[in-house]
Amino acid sequence: MKRIAAALAIIFSVFAVTVAVSAAADSPGSENDPLVTKSYVDSQIAKYGGNGSAPNEYTVVEVKAGQSVLGGEGTEIILRSGEASAIDNGANGVSDLTAGQDLITGQNVSLNHLLLVPRDDGRGIYALTDIFVMIRGPYSLQ
């Protein structure tokens, strides 16, 4: 009986030491879980921003009448001035998150509405007059 108790005590001790060592190895700031600064994270995120801006920043773009702004996947567009219409991909529209609807080609874009381009498939807006838009994410002017 004493041998069983001693064996259990040894097994429990080895288990406790193993758990303690594992927990210490993965604690915040250790080699396995390093801490990083906010500026480092921001610089890494900025590498993947559209057109030179960080993904969390909007870029103000002037678009001449007759030009199109085509968004990439996840691009947000806000029409700030002028008149524009939507460009769909032939099957699905541009998401007008403010109005809660899809805009298909030819439908007018309302001022200050947040538009979302869900995929990189040719969706965006067409400038009927000279316009200013705020854009967050990848885009191209055509």
C-alpha atoms as a PDB file:
ATOM      1  CA  MET A   1       0.000   0.000   0.000  1.00  0.00           C
ATOM      2  CA  LYS A   2       2.893   2.341   0.856  1.00  0.00           C
ATOM      3  CA  ARG A   3       4.489   1.565  -2.500  1.00  0.00           C
ATOM      4  CA  ILE A   4       1.320   2.498  -4.380  1.00  0.00           C
ATOM      5  CA  ALA A   5       1.010   5.738  -2.419  1.00  0.00           C
ATOM      6  CA  ALA A   6       4.682   6.546  -3.069  1.00  0.00           C
ATOM      7  CA  ALA A   7       4.316   5.766  -6.797  1.00  0.00           C
ATOM      8  CA  LEU A   8       1.217   7.981  -7.032  1.00  0.00           C
ATOM      9  CA  ALA A   9       3.021  10.789  -5.219  1.00  0.00           C
ATOM     10  CA  ILE A  10       5.947  10.576  -7.660  1.00  0.00           C
ATOM     11  CA  ILE A  11       3.621  10.515 -10.709  1.00  0.00           C
ATOM     12  CA  PHE A  12       1.672  13.485  -9.361  1.00  0.00           C
ATOM     13  CA  SER A  13       4.891  15.420  -8.684  1.00  0.00           C
ATOM     14  CA  VAL A  14       6.223  14.782 -12.198  1.00  0.00           C
ATOM     15  CA  PHE A  15       2.879  15.839 -13.670  1.00  0.00           C
ATOM     16  CA  ALA A  16       2.775  19.042 -11.594  1.00  0.00           C
ATOM     17  CA  VAL A  17       6.332  19.989 -12.584  1.00  0.00           C
ATOM     18  CA  THR A  18       5.564  19.321 -16.280  1.00  0.00           C
ATOM     19  CA  VAL A  19       2.459  21.525 -16.167  1.00  0.00           C
ATOM     20  CA  ALA A  20       4.339  24.321 -14.386  1.00  0.00           C
ATOM     21  CA  VAL A  21       7.208  24.263 -16.907  1.00  0.00           C
ATOM     22  CA  SER A  22       4.787  24.264 -19.849  1.00  0.00           C
ATOM     23  CA  ALA A  23       2.835  27.193 -18.438  1.00  0.00           C
ATOM     24  CA  ALA A  24       5.999  29.206 -17.818  1.00  0.00           C
ATOM     25  CA  ALA A  25       7.293  28.572 -21.349  1.00  0.00           C
ATOM     26  CA  ASP A  26       4.156  30.015 -23.001  1.00  0.00           C
ATOM     27  CA  SER A  27       3.572  32.979 -20.738  1.00  0.00           C
ATOM     28  CA  PRO A  28       3.149  36.410 -22.378  1.00  0.00           C
ATOM     29  CA  GLY A  29       6.477  37.955 -23.237  1.00  0.00           C
ATOM     30  CA  SER A  30       8.311  34.634 -23.394  1.00  0.00           C
ATOM     31  CA  GLU A  31      10.177  33.400 -26.453  1.00  0.00           C
ATOM     32  CA  ASN A  32       7.164  31.295 -27.477  1.00  0.00           C
ATOM     33  CA  ASP A  33       4.690  34.171 -27.001  1.00  0.00           C
ATOM     34  CA  PRO A  34       6.561  37.439 -27.609  1.00  0.00           C
ATOM     35  CA  LEU A  35       5.062  40.857 -26.953  1.00  0.00           C
ATOM     36  CA  VAL A  36       5.085  43.378 -29.812  1.00  0.00           C
ATOM     37  CA  THR A  37       4.450  47.112 -29.896  1.00  0.00           C
ATOM     38  CA  LYS A  38       1.425  48.768 -31.463  1.00  0.00           C
ATOM     39  CA  SER A  39       3.655  50.632 -33.918  1.00  0.00           C
ATOM     40  CA  TYR A  40       5.121  47.332 -35.150  1.00  0.00           C
ATOM     41  CA  VAL A  41       1.650  45.860 -35.675  1.00  0.00           C
ATOM     42  CA  ASP A  42       0.487  49.037 -37.449  1.00  0.00           C
ATOM     43  CA  SER A  43       3.499  48.943 -39.770  1.00  0.00           C
ATOM     44  CA  GLN A  44       2.817  45.319 -40.657  1.00  0.00           C
ATOM     45  CA  ILE A  45      -0.859  46.033 -41.349  1.00  0.00           C
ATOM     46  CA  ALA A  46       0.035  49.077 -43.459  1.00  0.00           C
ATOM     47  CA  LYS A  47       1.998  46.837 -45.822  1.00  0.00           C
ATOM     48  CA  TYR A  48      -1.281  45.321 -46.989  1.00  0.00           C
ATOM     49  CA  GLY A  49      -3.260  48.561 -47.426  1.00  0.00           C
ATOM     50  CA  GLY A  50      -4.697  49.663 -50.763  1.00  0.00           C
ATOM     51  CA  ASN A  51      -2.967  52.353 -52.802  1.00  0.00           C
ATOM     52  CA  GLY A  52      -0.403  53.256 -50.175  1.00  0.00           C
ATOM     53  CA  SER A  53      -2.777  53.937 -47.299  1.00  0.00           C
ATOM     54  CA  ALA A  54      -3.216  51.839 -44.210  1.00  0.00           C
ATOM     55  CA  PRO A  55      -6.322  49.631 -44.255  1.00  0.00           C
ATOM     56  CA  ASN A  56      -7.918  51.592 -41.411  1.00  0.00           C
ATOM     57  CA  GLU A  57      -7.655  54.933 -43.193  1.00  0.00           C
ATOM     58  CA  TYR A  58      -9.878  56.395 -45.868  1.00  0.00           C
ATOM     59  CA  THR A  59      -8.317  58.014 -48.924  1.00  0.00           C
ATOM     60  CA  VAL A  60     -10.055  61.000 -50.535  1.00  0.00           C
ATOM     61  CA  VAL A  61     -10.094  60.592 -54.312  1.00  0.00           C
ATOM     62  CA  GLU A  62     -11.282  63.034 -56.965  1.00  0.00           C
ATOM     63  CA  VAL A  63     -12.897  61.264 -59.914  1.00  0.00           C
ATOM     64  CA  LYS A  64     -13.714  63.029 -63.178  1.00  0.00           C
ATOM     65  CA  ALA A  65     -17.044  62.602 -64.969  1.00  0.00           C
ATOM     66  CA  GLY A  66     -17.015  59.462 -67.110  1.00  0.00           C
ATOM     67  CA  GLN A  67     -14.475  57.608 -64.958  1.00  0.00           C
ATOM     68  CA  SER A  68     -15.207  54.465 -62.954  1.00  0.00           C
ATOM     69  CA  VAL A  69     -13.965  53.510 -59.498  1.00  0.00           C
ATOM     70  CA  LEU A  70     -13.695  49.723 -59.268  1.00  0.00           C
ATOM     71  CA  GLY A  71     -13.148  48.260 -55.837  1.00  0.00           C
ATOM     72  CA  GLY A  72     -11.277  45.184 -54.746  1.00  0.00           C
ATOM     73  CA  GLU A  73     -12.500  42.664 -52.205  1.00  0.00           C
ATOM     74  CA  GLY A  74     -13.713  44.426 -49.059  1.00  0.00           C
ATOM     75  CA  THR A  75     -13.335  47.950 -50.427  1.00  0.00           C
ATOM     76  CA  GLU A  76     -15.538  50.620 -48.842  1.00  0.00           C
ATOM     77  CA  ILE A  77     -16.658  53.650 -50.874  1.00  0.00           C
ATOM     78  CA  ILE A  78     -18.476  56.770 -49.658  1.00  0.00           C
ATOM     79  CA  LEU A  79     -19.690  59.311 -52.229  1.00  0.00           C
ATOM     80  CA  ARG A  80     -19.065  62.759 -50.717  1.00  0.00           C
ATOM     81  CA  SER A  81     -20.041  65.065 -53.609  1.00  0.00           C
ATOM     82  CA  GLY A  82     -21.343  64.868 -57.148  1.00  0.00           C
ATOM     83  CA  GLU A  83     -23.503  62.240 -58.822  1.00  0.00           C
ATOM     84  CA  ALA A  84     -22.617  58.615 -59.457  1.00  0.00           C
ATOM     85  CA  SER A  85     -24.289  55.346 -60.362  1.00  0.00           C
ATOM     86  CA  ALA A  86     -23.504  51.801 -59.363  1.00  0.00           C
ATOM     87  CA  ILE A  87     -21.635  49.214 -61.414  1.00  0.00           C
ATOM     88  CA  ASP A  88     -22.546  45.609 -60.679  1.00  0.00           C
ATOM     89  CA  ASN A  89     -20.840  42.422 -61.855  1.00  0.00           C
ATOM     90  CA  GLY A  90     -23.771  41.148 -63.925  1.00  0.00           C
ATOM     91  CA  ALA A  91     -25.104  38.923 -61.153  1.00  0.00           C
ATOM     92  CA  ASN A  92     -24.837  40.834 -57.865  1.00  0.00           C
ATOM     93  CA  GLY A  93     -24.797  44.508 -56.975  1.00  0.00           C
ATOM     94  CA  VAL A  94     -22.729  46.811 -54.822  1.00  0.00           C
ATOM     95  CA  SER A  95     -23.858  46.604 -51.188  1.00  0.00           C
ATOM     96  CA  ASP A  96     -25.295  49.880 -49.897  1.00  0.00           C
ATOM     97  CA  LEU A  97     -24.849  49.216 -46.184  1.00  0.00           C
ATOM     98  CA  THR A  98     -26.567  52.462 -45.173  1.00  0.00           C
ATOM     99  CA  ALA A  99     -29.785  51.679 -47.065  1.00  0.00           C
ATOM    100  CA  GLY A 100     -29.544  47.915 -46.597  1.00  0.00           C
ATOM    101  CA  GLN A 101     -29.827  47.049 -50.296  1.00  0.00           C
ATOM    102  CA  ASP A 102     -27.838  46.017 -53.346  1.00  0.00           C
ATOM    103  CA  LEU A 103     -27.336  48.636 -56.045  1.00  0.00           C
ATOM    104  CA  ILE A 104     -27.323  47.337 -59.602  1.00  0.00           C
ATOM    105  CA  THR A 105     -25.809  49.019 -62.645  1.00  0.00           C
ATOM    106  CA  GLY A 106     -27.424  52.378 -63.352  1.00  0.00           C
ATOM    107  CA  GLN A 107     -28.926  52.925 -59.899  1.00  0.00           C
ATOM    108  CA  ASN A 108     -27.954  56.241 -58.329  1.00  0.00           C
ATOM    109  CA  VAL A 109     -25.561  56.225 -55.384  1.00  0.00           C
ATOM    110  CA  SER A 110     -26.745  58.392 -52.484  1.00  0.00           C
ATOM    111  CA  LEU A 111     -24.413  60.904 -50.878  1.00  0.00           C
ATOM    112  CA  ASN A 112     -22.728  59.786 -47.650  1.00  0.00           C
ATOM    113  CA  HIS A 113     -23.902  56.165 -47.960  1.00  0.00           C
ATOM    114  CA  LEU A 114     -21.369  53.467 -47.113  1.00  0.00           C
ATOM    115  CA  LEU A 115     -20.914  51.102 -50.060  1.00  0.00           C
ATOM    116  CA  LEU A 116     -19.135  47.755 -49.828  1.00  0.00           C
ATOM    117  CA  VAL A 117     -17.573  45.831 -52.709  1.00  0.00           C
ATOM    118  CA  PRO A 118     -17.652  42.216 -51.488  1.00  0.00           C
ATOM    119  CA  ARG A 119     -15.398  40.674 -54.148  1.00  0.00           C
ATOM    120  CA  ASP A 120     -12.764  41.743 -56.653  1.00  0.00           C
ATOM    121  CA  ASP A 121     -15.027  41.188 -59.656  1.00  0.00           C
ATOM    122  CA  GLY A 122     -15.519  44.560 -61.363  1.00  0.00           C
ATOM    123  CA  ARG A 123     -18.032  46.210 -59.031  1.00  0.00           C
ATOM    124  CA  GLY A 124     -17.847  49.880 -58.153  1.00  0.00           C
ATOM    125  CA  ILE A 125     -19.302  53.235 -59.146  1.00  0.00           C
ATOM    126  CA  TYR A 126     -19.430  55.366 -62.305  1.00  0.00           C
ATOM    127  CA  ALA A 127     -19.024  59.159 -62.043  1.00  0.00           C
ATOM    128  CA  LEU A 128     -21.897  60.966 -63.795  1.00  0.00           C
ATOM    129  CA  THR A 129     -20.333  64.318 -62.779  1.00  0.00           C
ATOM    130  CA  ASP A 130     -17.009  65.175 -61.187  1.00  0.00           C
ATOM    131  CA  ILE A 131     -17.130  63.514 -57.766  1.00  0.00           C
ATOM    132  CA  PHE A 132     -15.172  63.151 -54.568  1.00  0.00           C
ATOM    133  CA  VAL A 133     -15.204  59.783 -52.816  1.00  0.00           C
ATOM    134  CA  MET A 134     -13.653  58.403 -49.674  1.00  0.00           C
ATOM    135  CA  ILE A 135     -12.212  54.937 -50.229  1.00  0.00           C
ATOM    136  CA  ARG A 136     -10.813  52.349 -47.843  1.00  0.00           C
ATOM    137  CA  GLY A 137      -9.212  49.323 -49.470  1.00  0.00           C
ATOM    138  CA  PRO A 138      -7.845  48.463 -52.913  1.00  0.00           C
ATOM    139  CA  TYR A 139      -9.341  50.216 -55.955  1.00  0.00           C
ATOM    140  CA  SER A 140      -8.604  51.243 -59.507  1.00  0.00           C
ATOM    141  CA  LEU A 141      -9.714  54.198 -61.648  1.00  0.00           C
ATOM    142  CA  GLN A 142     -10.729  53.544 -65.226  1.00  0.00           C
END
